[in-house]
N, C-alpha and C. Protein backbone atom coordinates (compact mmCIF):
# COMPACT_ATOMS: atom_id res chain seq x y z
N MET A 1 13.01 -20.97 -45.27
CA MET A 1 12.74 -19.65 -45.78
C MET A 1 12.85 -18.63 -44.65
N THR A 2 13.64 -17.57 -44.87
CA THR A 2 13.85 -16.53 -43.87
C THR A 2 12.94 -15.35 -44.15
N LYS A 3 12.29 -14.85 -43.12
CA LYS A 3 11.41 -13.69 -43.25
C LYS A 3 12.11 -12.47 -42.67
N ASN A 4 11.88 -11.33 -43.30
CA ASN A 4 12.36 -10.07 -42.75
C ASN A 4 11.33 -9.57 -41.75
N ILE A 5 11.75 -9.42 -40.52
CA ILE A 5 10.85 -8.95 -39.47
C ILE A 5 11.33 -7.57 -39.04
N ALA A 6 10.49 -6.58 -39.22
CA ALA A 6 10.84 -5.21 -38.84
C ALA A 6 10.69 -5.03 -37.34
N ALA A 7 11.56 -4.22 -36.77
CA ALA A 7 11.44 -3.90 -35.35
C ALA A 7 10.17 -3.10 -35.12
N PRO A 8 9.48 -3.32 -34.01
CA PRO A 8 8.25 -2.56 -33.75
C PRO A 8 8.56 -1.08 -33.55
N GLU A 9 7.65 -0.24 -34.02
CA GLU A 9 7.78 1.21 -33.87
C GLU A 9 7.69 1.58 -32.39
N GLN A 10 8.65 2.39 -31.91
CA GLN A 10 8.68 2.76 -30.50
C GLN A 10 8.30 4.21 -30.26
N ARG A 11 8.06 4.97 -31.30
CA ARG A 11 7.71 6.38 -31.15
C ARG A 11 6.26 6.51 -30.72
N ARG A 12 6.00 7.50 -29.88
CA ARG A 12 4.64 7.77 -29.42
C ARG A 12 3.84 8.54 -30.46
N ASP A 13 4.51 9.44 -31.18
CA ASP A 13 3.84 10.31 -32.15
C ASP A 13 4.37 10.02 -33.55
N PRO A 14 3.50 10.08 -34.55
CA PRO A 14 3.96 9.87 -35.93
C PRO A 14 4.89 10.98 -36.38
N ARG A 15 5.85 10.65 -37.23
CA ARG A 15 6.80 11.62 -37.77
C ARG A 15 6.34 12.11 -39.13
N THR A 16 6.59 13.38 -39.41
CA THR A 16 6.27 13.99 -40.69
C THR A 16 7.59 14.33 -41.39
N VAL A 17 7.71 13.98 -42.65
CA VAL A 17 8.91 14.28 -43.41
C VAL A 17 8.97 15.78 -43.71
N VAL A 18 10.10 16.39 -43.40
CA VAL A 18 10.31 17.81 -43.66
C VAL A 18 11.74 18.01 -44.20
N GLY A 19 12.06 19.18 -44.64
CA GLY A 19 13.40 19.49 -45.12
C GLY A 19 13.82 20.88 -44.69
N VAL A 20 13.67 21.18 -43.41
CA VAL A 20 13.92 22.52 -42.88
C VAL A 20 15.35 22.62 -42.33
N THR A 21 16.01 23.72 -42.64
CA THR A 21 17.36 23.98 -42.13
C THR A 21 17.27 24.55 -40.72
N LEU A 22 18.26 24.20 -39.87
CA LEU A 22 18.29 24.73 -38.51
C LEU A 22 19.72 25.07 -38.13
N ASP A 23 19.85 25.92 -37.11
CA ASP A 23 21.13 26.21 -36.47
C ASP A 23 21.15 25.42 -35.18
N LEU A 24 22.33 24.90 -34.80
CA LEU A 24 22.40 24.18 -33.55
C LEU A 24 23.63 24.59 -32.76
N ARG A 25 23.50 24.47 -31.45
CA ARG A 25 24.57 24.78 -30.52
C ARG A 25 24.51 23.75 -29.41
N VAL A 26 25.66 23.26 -28.99
CA VAL A 26 25.72 22.30 -27.89
C VAL A 26 25.72 23.09 -26.58
N ALA A 27 24.88 22.69 -25.64
CA ALA A 27 24.80 23.37 -24.35
C ALA A 27 26.16 23.35 -23.67
N GLY A 28 26.57 24.50 -23.15
CA GLY A 28 27.83 24.62 -22.44
C GLY A 28 29.03 24.92 -23.33
N GLU A 29 28.86 24.90 -24.64
CA GLU A 29 29.94 25.24 -25.56
C GLU A 29 29.73 26.65 -26.09
N ALA A 30 30.81 27.41 -26.15
CA ALA A 30 30.72 28.77 -26.67
C ALA A 30 31.12 28.82 -28.14
N SER A 31 31.22 27.66 -28.78
CA SER A 31 31.66 27.62 -30.17
C SER A 31 30.60 28.19 -31.11
N ALA A 32 31.03 28.41 -32.35
CA ALA A 32 30.12 28.94 -33.37
C ALA A 32 28.96 27.99 -33.61
N ARG A 33 27.88 28.56 -34.08
CA ARG A 33 26.72 27.74 -34.40
C ARG A 33 27.04 26.82 -35.57
N ARG A 34 26.39 25.68 -35.57
CA ARG A 34 26.52 24.70 -36.64
C ARG A 34 25.20 24.63 -37.37
N ARG A 35 25.19 24.06 -38.56
CA ARG A 35 23.97 23.96 -39.37
C ARG A 35 23.57 22.50 -39.51
N GLY A 36 22.28 22.29 -39.72
CA GLY A 36 21.75 20.95 -39.96
C GLY A 36 20.47 21.04 -40.77
N ARG A 37 19.93 19.87 -41.14
CA ARG A 37 18.67 19.82 -41.89
C ARG A 37 17.78 18.77 -41.25
N ILE A 38 16.58 19.19 -40.85
CA ILE A 38 15.61 18.27 -40.25
C ILE A 38 15.08 17.36 -41.34
N THR A 39 15.09 16.05 -41.08
CA THR A 39 14.55 15.10 -42.06
C THR A 39 13.15 14.65 -41.70
N ASP A 40 12.85 14.52 -40.40
CA ASP A 40 11.48 14.22 -39.98
C ASP A 40 11.24 14.81 -38.61
N LEU A 41 9.96 15.07 -38.31
CA LEU A 41 9.59 15.83 -37.12
C LEU A 41 8.28 15.31 -36.55
N SER A 42 8.19 15.26 -35.21
CA SER A 42 6.94 14.91 -34.54
C SER A 42 6.76 15.86 -33.37
N ARG A 43 5.71 15.66 -32.62
CA ARG A 43 5.44 16.50 -31.45
C ARG A 43 6.52 16.33 -30.38
N GLY A 44 7.12 15.15 -30.28
CA GLY A 44 8.06 14.88 -29.21
C GLY A 44 9.52 14.79 -29.61
N GLY A 45 9.82 14.82 -30.92
CA GLY A 45 11.21 14.69 -31.33
C GLY A 45 11.39 14.83 -32.82
N MET A 46 12.61 14.63 -33.27
CA MET A 46 12.91 14.76 -34.70
C MET A 46 14.19 14.03 -35.02
N THR A 47 14.45 13.90 -36.32
CA THR A 47 15.71 13.40 -36.82
C THR A 47 16.28 14.49 -37.71
N PHE A 48 17.60 14.75 -37.57
CA PHE A 48 18.23 15.74 -38.45
C PHE A 48 19.61 15.26 -38.85
N GLU A 49 20.10 15.83 -39.95
CA GLU A 49 21.43 15.52 -40.46
C GLU A 49 22.31 16.75 -40.34
N THR A 50 23.60 16.52 -40.06
CA THR A 50 24.57 17.61 -39.92
C THR A 50 25.97 17.04 -40.10
N ASP A 51 26.93 17.92 -40.30
CA ASP A 51 28.33 17.52 -40.34
C ASP A 51 28.95 17.57 -38.95
N ALA A 52 28.23 18.12 -37.98
CA ALA A 52 28.73 18.26 -36.60
C ALA A 52 28.85 16.89 -35.94
N LEU A 53 29.86 16.72 -35.12
CA LEU A 53 30.03 15.48 -34.36
C LEU A 53 29.40 15.65 -32.98
N LEU A 54 28.33 14.90 -32.73
CA LEU A 54 27.59 14.97 -31.46
C LEU A 54 27.59 13.61 -30.80
N GLU A 55 27.30 13.57 -29.52
CA GLU A 55 27.24 12.31 -28.78
C GLU A 55 25.86 12.15 -28.15
N GLU A 56 25.46 10.89 -27.98
CA GLU A 56 24.19 10.61 -27.31
C GLU A 56 24.23 11.20 -25.91
N GLY A 57 23.12 11.81 -25.51
CA GLY A 57 23.02 12.43 -24.19
C GLY A 57 23.33 13.91 -24.17
N MET A 58 23.95 14.44 -25.24
CA MET A 58 24.24 15.88 -25.29
C MET A 58 22.94 16.67 -25.33
N THR A 59 22.95 17.83 -24.66
CA THR A 59 21.82 18.75 -24.75
C THR A 59 22.12 19.76 -25.84
N LEU A 60 21.16 19.95 -26.73
CA LEU A 60 21.32 20.86 -27.86
C LEU A 60 20.35 22.02 -27.75
N HIS A 61 20.74 23.15 -28.31
CA HIS A 61 19.85 24.29 -28.48
C HIS A 61 19.70 24.46 -29.99
N LEU A 62 18.49 24.31 -30.48
CA LEU A 62 18.21 24.33 -31.91
C LEU A 62 17.36 25.54 -32.24
N LYS A 63 17.68 26.22 -33.34
CA LYS A 63 16.91 27.38 -33.76
C LYS A 63 16.53 27.20 -35.22
N MET A 64 15.24 27.33 -35.48
CA MET A 64 14.72 27.21 -36.83
C MET A 64 14.46 28.61 -37.38
N PRO A 65 14.46 28.77 -38.70
CA PRO A 65 14.25 30.11 -39.29
C PRO A 65 12.92 30.75 -38.92
N GLN A 66 11.94 29.99 -38.53
CA GLN A 66 10.62 30.52 -38.22
C GLN A 66 10.54 31.04 -36.78
N ALA A 67 11.67 31.52 -36.22
CA ALA A 67 11.72 32.09 -34.87
C ALA A 67 11.30 31.08 -33.80
N LEU A 68 11.64 29.82 -34.01
CA LEU A 68 11.32 28.76 -33.08
C LEU A 68 12.62 28.22 -32.49
N GLU A 69 12.70 28.15 -31.16
CA GLU A 69 13.87 27.59 -30.50
C GLU A 69 13.48 26.32 -29.76
N ILE A 70 14.37 25.34 -29.79
CA ILE A 70 14.11 24.03 -29.18
C ILE A 70 15.32 23.65 -28.34
N ARG A 71 15.06 23.12 -27.14
CA ARG A 71 16.12 22.47 -26.36
C ARG A 71 15.79 20.99 -26.36
N GLY A 72 16.76 20.17 -26.71
CA GLY A 72 16.52 18.74 -26.79
C GLY A 72 17.77 17.94 -26.49
N GLU A 73 17.61 16.63 -26.44
CA GLU A 73 18.70 15.72 -26.10
C GLU A 73 18.92 14.74 -27.23
N VAL A 74 20.19 14.53 -27.59
CA VAL A 74 20.54 13.53 -28.60
C VAL A 74 20.25 12.15 -28.01
N ARG A 75 19.40 11.39 -28.69
CA ARG A 75 19.02 10.06 -28.21
C ARG A 75 19.64 8.94 -29.06
N HIS A 76 19.87 9.22 -30.34
CA HIS A 76 20.43 8.22 -31.24
C HIS A 76 21.38 8.91 -32.22
N ALA A 77 22.45 8.22 -32.58
CA ALA A 77 23.40 8.75 -33.55
C ALA A 77 23.69 7.68 -34.60
N GLY A 78 23.86 8.11 -35.84
CA GLY A 78 24.17 7.19 -36.92
C GLY A 78 24.65 7.95 -38.13
N THR A 79 24.65 7.27 -39.28
CA THR A 79 25.08 7.88 -40.54
C THR A 79 23.98 7.70 -41.56
N SER A 80 23.72 8.74 -42.35
CA SER A 80 22.70 8.67 -43.39
C SER A 80 23.29 8.08 -44.66
N ALA A 81 22.45 7.79 -45.63
CA ALA A 81 22.89 7.26 -46.92
C ALA A 81 23.83 8.22 -47.63
N SER A 82 23.70 9.53 -47.37
CA SER A 82 24.55 10.53 -48.00
C SER A 82 25.91 10.65 -47.32
N GLY A 83 26.10 9.92 -46.21
CA GLY A 83 27.36 9.98 -45.48
C GLY A 83 27.39 11.02 -44.39
N ARG A 84 26.36 11.85 -44.28
CA ARG A 84 26.29 12.85 -43.20
C ARG A 84 25.90 12.16 -41.91
N ARG A 85 26.20 12.80 -40.80
CA ARG A 85 25.79 12.27 -39.50
C ARG A 85 24.30 12.50 -39.32
N ARG A 86 23.62 11.52 -38.72
CA ARG A 86 22.17 11.58 -38.53
C ARG A 86 21.88 11.36 -37.04
N TYR A 87 21.06 12.26 -36.45
CA TYR A 87 20.79 12.21 -35.02
C TYR A 87 19.29 12.23 -34.74
N GLY A 88 18.88 11.46 -33.74
CA GLY A 88 17.53 11.51 -33.23
C GLY A 88 17.54 12.34 -31.96
N VAL A 89 16.61 13.27 -31.85
CA VAL A 89 16.56 14.20 -30.72
C VAL A 89 15.20 14.11 -30.04
N ARG A 90 15.21 14.07 -28.71
CA ARG A 90 13.97 14.15 -27.94
C ARG A 90 13.86 15.58 -27.42
N PHE A 91 12.70 16.20 -27.63
CA PHE A 91 12.50 17.58 -27.21
C PHE A 91 12.32 17.68 -25.71
N HIS A 92 12.91 18.75 -25.13
CA HIS A 92 12.70 19.09 -23.72
C HIS A 92 11.88 20.36 -23.59
N LYS A 93 12.14 21.33 -24.47
CA LYS A 93 11.44 22.61 -24.39
C LYS A 93 11.36 23.22 -25.79
N ILE A 94 10.20 23.77 -26.12
CA ILE A 94 10.00 24.43 -27.41
C ILE A 94 9.41 25.81 -27.13
N GLY A 95 9.94 26.84 -27.77
CA GLY A 95 9.42 28.19 -27.55
C GLY A 95 9.66 29.09 -28.73
N LEU A 96 8.91 30.18 -28.77
CA LEU A 96 9.08 31.18 -29.81
C LEU A 96 10.11 32.21 -29.38
N VAL A 97 10.90 32.67 -30.34
CA VAL A 97 11.88 33.70 -30.08
C VAL A 97 11.16 35.04 -30.11
N PRO A 98 11.31 35.88 -29.09
CA PRO A 98 10.65 37.19 -29.10
C PRO A 98 11.17 38.03 -30.26
N THR A 99 10.26 38.70 -30.95
CA THR A 99 10.66 39.61 -32.02
C THR A 99 10.39 41.03 -31.58
N ASN A 100 11.28 41.92 -31.90
CA ASN A 100 11.14 43.33 -31.50
C ASN A 100 10.79 44.18 -32.68
């Protein structure tokens, strides 16, 4: 009899399921902003889906509609059940966008 053994959880902080849209830009690229949707979020990182092609180790600049900007690093890449690209990001810096 074969048992299914799940891999142990390696995250430090629990993730919360969310469905927030974000804009993203790859550090060092002057290209247009791309869009994505956050699927889960924690204090130290998140998972999001996008049509953009990213690579592990890339530094991203992420902006959420709530005037929140995040700089983070792509740590994992894969594909979601919907066929969109799915990325795990570790946060480096989080800050509020100044409003005038």
